[in-house]
Every structure is written in structure tokens, then in C-alpha cells.
N, C-alpha and C. Protein backbone atom coordinates (compact mmCIF):
# COMPACT_ATOMS: atom_id res chain seq x y z
N MET A 1 -19.93 16.85 -0.11
CA MET A 1 -20.10 16.71 -1.48
C MET A 1 -19.27 15.64 -1.92
N LYS A 2 -17.99 15.78 -1.75
CA LYS A 2 -16.88 14.86 -1.98
C LYS A 2 -17.23 13.40 -1.67
N GLU A 3 -17.66 13.14 -0.36
CA GLU A 3 -18.04 11.87 -0.07
C GLU A 3 -19.06 11.14 -0.72
N LEU A 4 -20.14 12.08 -1.13
CA LEU A 4 -21.45 11.33 -1.98
C LEU A 4 -20.82 11.08 -3.20
N VAL A 5 -19.94 11.98 -3.87
CA VAL A 5 -19.53 11.41 -5.39
C VAL A 5 -18.78 10.27 -5.28
N GLU A 6 -17.80 10.07 -4.17
CA GLU A 6 -17.11 8.92 -4.09
C GLU A 6 -17.85 7.73 -3.83
N VAL A 7 -18.92 7.76 -2.94
CA VAL A 7 -19.78 6.58 -2.53
C VAL A 7 -20.42 6.27 -4.04
N ILE A 8 -20.97 7.14 -4.75
CA ILE A 8 -21.72 6.89 -5.96
C ILE A 8 -20.75 6.20 -7.02
N ALA A 9 -19.49 6.76 -7.22
CA ALA A 9 -18.68 6.18 -8.17
C ALA A 9 -18.01 4.89 -7.85
N LYS A 10 -17.76 4.67 -6.49
CA LYS A 10 -17.42 3.31 -6.10
C LYS A 10 -18.41 2.20 -6.30
N ALA A 11 -19.81 2.60 -6.33
CA ALA A 11 -20.85 1.61 -6.46
C ALA A 11 -20.98 1.26 -8.05
N LEU A 12 -20.43 2.06 -8.96
CA LEU A 12 -20.66 1.96 -10.36
C LEU A 12 -19.48 1.08 -10.84
N VAL A 13 -18.15 1.28 -10.40
CA VAL A 13 -16.90 0.87 -11.25
C VAL A 13 -16.51 -0.50 -10.59
N GLU A 14 -15.80 -1.35 -11.45
CA GLU A 14 -15.32 -2.49 -11.20
C GLU A 14 -13.97 -2.50 -10.37
N HIS A 15 -13.23 -1.25 -10.34
CA HIS A 15 -11.95 -1.04 -9.60
C HIS A 15 -12.19 -0.03 -8.61
N PRO A 16 -13.05 -0.32 -7.69
CA PRO A 16 -13.27 1.00 -6.57
C PRO A 16 -11.97 1.44 -5.91
N ASP A 17 -11.11 0.57 -5.76
CA ASP A 17 -9.69 1.19 -5.00
C ASP A 17 -9.12 2.26 -5.85
N GLU A 18 -9.31 2.33 -7.29
CA GLU A 18 -8.94 3.32 -8.00
C GLU A 18 -9.65 4.75 -8.32
N VAL A 19 -10.62 4.60 -7.46
CA VAL A 19 -11.49 5.91 -7.47
C VAL A 19 -10.81 7.01 -6.53
N THR A 20 -10.77 8.18 -7.08
CA THR A 20 -10.09 9.24 -6.19
C THR A 20 -10.95 10.42 -6.43
N VAL A 21 -11.26 11.11 -5.38
CA VAL A 21 -12.13 12.43 -5.57
C VAL A 21 -11.49 13.40 -4.92
N SER A 22 -11.30 14.65 -5.69
CA SER A 22 -10.63 15.84 -4.99
C SER A 22 -11.50 16.96 -5.17
N GLU A 23 -11.53 17.93 -4.26
CA GLU A 23 -12.59 19.15 -4.29
C GLU A 23 -11.57 20.34 -4.19
N LYS A 24 -12.12 21.31 -5.03
CA LYS A 24 -11.44 22.53 -5.04
C LYS A 24 -12.41 23.59 -4.69
N GLU A 25 -12.25 24.36 -3.58
CA GLU A 25 -13.41 25.47 -3.39
C GLU A 25 -12.92 26.87 -3.52
N ASP A 26 -13.55 27.63 -4.38
CA ASP A 26 -13.37 29.08 -4.42
C ASP A 26 -14.69 29.77 -4.11
N GLY A 27 -14.80 30.30 -2.95
CA GLY A 27 -15.80 31.10 -2.38
C GLY A 27 -17.04 30.11 -2.44
N LYS A 28 -18.07 30.66 -3.20
CA LYS A 28 -19.42 29.70 -3.54
C LYS A 28 -19.23 28.83 -4.55
N HIS A 29 -18.24 28.68 -5.24
CA HIS A 29 -18.15 27.86 -6.31
C HIS A 29 -17.06 26.53 -6.02
N VAL A 30 -17.50 25.52 -6.07
CA VAL A 30 -16.71 24.17 -5.65
C VAL A 30 -16.88 23.20 -7.00
N VAL A 31 -15.58 22.82 -7.24
CA VAL A 31 -15.21 21.82 -8.36
C VAL A 31 -14.93 20.41 -7.76
N ILE A 32 -15.58 19.44 -8.30
CA ILE A 32 -15.23 18.18 -7.50
C ILE A 32 -14.73 17.41 -9.03
N GLU A 33 -13.49 16.73 -8.66
CA GLU A 33 -12.93 16.09 -9.76
C GLU A 33 -12.89 14.60 -9.43
N LEU A 34 -13.42 13.82 -10.40
CA LEU A 34 -13.47 12.40 -10.18
C LEU A 34 -12.54 11.70 -11.04
N HIS A 35 -11.79 10.83 -10.38
CA HIS A 35 -10.75 10.15 -11.31
C HIS A 35 -11.07 8.59 -11.21
N VAL A 36 -11.21 7.96 -12.16
CA VAL A 36 -11.61 6.56 -12.15
C VAL A 36 -10.47 5.81 -13.05
N ALA A 37 -10.27 4.50 -13.06
CA ALA A 37 -9.51 3.80 -13.92
C ALA A 37 -10.06 3.88 -15.22
N GLU A 38 -9.16 3.90 -16.19
CA GLU A 38 -9.47 3.92 -17.82
C GLU A 38 -10.49 2.95 -18.23
N SER A 39 -10.59 1.80 -17.61
CA SER A 39 -11.63 0.71 -18.05
C SER A 39 -12.78 0.98 -17.43
N ASP A 40 -13.10 1.85 -16.35
CA ASP A 40 -14.18 2.22 -15.74
C ASP A 40 -14.68 3.59 -16.14
N MET A 41 -13.98 4.24 -17.16
CA MET A 41 -14.63 5.49 -17.61
C MET A 41 -16.07 5.30 -18.12
N GLY A 42 -16.23 4.42 -19.09
CA GLY A 42 -17.49 4.26 -19.63
C GLY A 42 -18.65 3.87 -18.80
N LYS A 43 -18.33 3.43 -17.49
CA LYS A 43 -19.34 3.00 -16.57
C LYS A 43 -19.86 4.36 -15.75
N VAL A 44 -18.98 5.14 -15.67
CA VAL A 44 -19.28 6.47 -15.00
C VAL A 44 -19.94 7.39 -15.73
N ILE A 45 -19.46 7.47 -16.97
CA ILE A 45 -20.13 8.39 -18.12
C ILE A 45 -21.58 7.88 -18.47
N GLY A 46 -21.63 6.48 -18.91
CA GLY A 46 -22.90 5.93 -19.30
C GLY A 46 -23.18 6.22 -20.85
N LYS A 47 -24.23 5.63 -21.27
CA LYS A 47 -24.60 6.01 -22.87
C LYS A 47 -25.02 7.28 -22.75
N GLN A 48 -24.62 8.02 -23.76
CA GLN A 48 -24.93 9.30 -23.96
C GLN A 48 -24.75 10.29 -22.76
N GLY A 49 -23.91 9.97 -21.78
CA GLY A 49 -23.68 10.71 -20.70
C GLY A 49 -24.74 10.78 -19.71
N ARG A 50 -25.61 9.69 -19.82
CA ARG A 50 -26.87 9.70 -18.81
C ARG A 50 -26.51 9.62 -17.48
N ILE A 51 -25.31 8.79 -17.00
CA ILE A 51 -25.00 8.39 -15.69
C ILE A 51 -24.34 9.68 -15.07
N ALA A 52 -23.37 10.21 -15.83
CA ALA A 52 -22.67 11.44 -15.57
C ALA A 52 -23.74 12.69 -15.23
N LYS A 53 -24.83 12.70 -16.06
CA LYS A 53 -25.85 13.76 -15.67
C LYS A 53 -26.54 13.50 -14.44
N ALA A 54 -26.75 12.22 -14.20
CA ALA A 54 -27.45 11.80 -13.07
C ALA A 54 -26.72 12.21 -11.88
N ILE A 55 -25.35 11.92 -11.95
CA ILE A 55 -24.28 12.07 -10.72
C ILE A 55 -24.48 13.64 -10.46
N ARG A 56 -24.43 14.53 -11.61
CA ARG A 56 -24.34 15.92 -11.46
C ARG A 56 -25.65 16.39 -10.85
N SER A 57 -26.69 15.80 -11.29
CA SER A 57 -28.05 16.23 -10.74
C SER A 57 -28.08 16.02 -9.34
N VAL A 58 -27.73 14.84 -8.91
CA VAL A 58 -27.70 14.44 -7.41
C VAL A 58 -26.88 15.33 -6.69
N VAL A 59 -25.71 15.56 -7.17
CA VAL A 59 -24.81 16.56 -6.32
C VAL A 59 -25.43 17.84 -6.10
N LYS A 60 -26.05 18.38 -7.46
CA LYS A 60 -26.58 19.79 -7.35
C LYS A 60 -27.81 19.83 -6.40
N ALA A 61 -28.69 18.70 -6.40
CA ALA A 61 -29.65 18.84 -5.47
C ALA A 61 -29.07 18.97 -3.81
N ALA A 62 -28.11 18.10 -3.65
CA ALA A 62 -27.51 18.01 -2.44
C ALA A 62 -26.74 19.34 -1.98
N SER A 63 -26.40 19.98 -3.10
CA SER A 63 -25.58 21.34 -2.73
C SER A 63 -26.47 22.59 -2.49
N SER A 64 -27.57 22.41 -2.93
CA SER A 64 -28.66 23.45 -3.10
C SER A 64 -28.82 24.11 -1.63
N LYS A 65 -28.79 23.19 -0.68
CA LYS A 65 -29.16 23.73 0.54
C LYS A 65 -27.82 24.36 1.36
N ASP A 66 -26.91 24.35 0.70
CA ASP A 66 -25.47 25.08 1.39
C ASP A 66 -25.48 26.31 0.28
N ASN A 67 -26.19 26.56 -0.65
CA ASN A 67 -26.06 27.84 -1.42
C ASN A 67 -24.68 27.94 -2.10
N LYS A 68 -24.34 26.84 -2.65
CA LYS A 68 -23.03 26.66 -3.31
C LYS A 68 -23.23 26.04 -4.56
N ARG A 69 -22.48 26.53 -5.64
CA ARG A 69 -22.63 26.00 -7.08
C ARG A 69 -21.58 24.84 -7.12
N VAL A 70 -21.84 23.81 -7.21
CA VAL A 70 -20.96 22.49 -7.53
C VAL A 70 -20.80 22.05 -8.87
N ASP A 71 -19.71 21.73 -9.36
CA ASP A 71 -19.56 21.20 -10.72
C ASP A 71 -18.64 19.92 -10.50
N VAL A 72 -19.30 18.68 -11.11
CA VAL A 72 -18.51 17.48 -11.13
C VAL A 72 -17.81 17.33 -12.49
N GLU A 73 -16.53 17.11 -12.34
CA GLU A 73 -15.63 16.97 -13.58
C GLU A 73 -15.18 15.57 -13.59
N ILE A 74 -15.32 14.60 -14.65
CA ILE A 74 -14.91 13.19 -14.59
C ILE A 74 -13.51 13.37 -15.45
N ILE A 75 -12.47 13.02 -14.77
CA ILE A 75 -11.35 13.04 -15.41
C ILE A 75 -10.59 11.76 -15.69
């Protein structure tokens, strides 16, 4: 999941070298933290959070086969 979020985020931002993704796993619950440059924050979140919701939907669909709950946090 970490790689998936990283690929999506790097495609959206102007400074892909500043994108970092970390993953914290606690049993069946996984938290993926996405860090981007301050100037790219709006591009990752999108108008009314639409892009952020889309990223979370894609990750949720991809994680359903692993029977894990994955949350994506944009920091």
C-alpha cells in the first residue's frame, strides 16, 4: 500500500522528491502517512478534498483483498 500511495502522490505534485510515505501497522489496522511539500498540499487534497478521498478509495479497494483496514493521513 505504501508504494501505491507514493506513486499516486508523486504523479500529482510539482516536487516529487519531497514526497515521503511512512507506514505504521498494528494488527489488522494500517496507517499510511503521506508527507508532501507545503506548496503541494492543495494539489494532494484537491477542491473540497476530492483528490484525498479518491486516494483513500483506491487504497481501501486495494487493501480489501488483504483483509486489513488502511487509513491514509496527509500531513
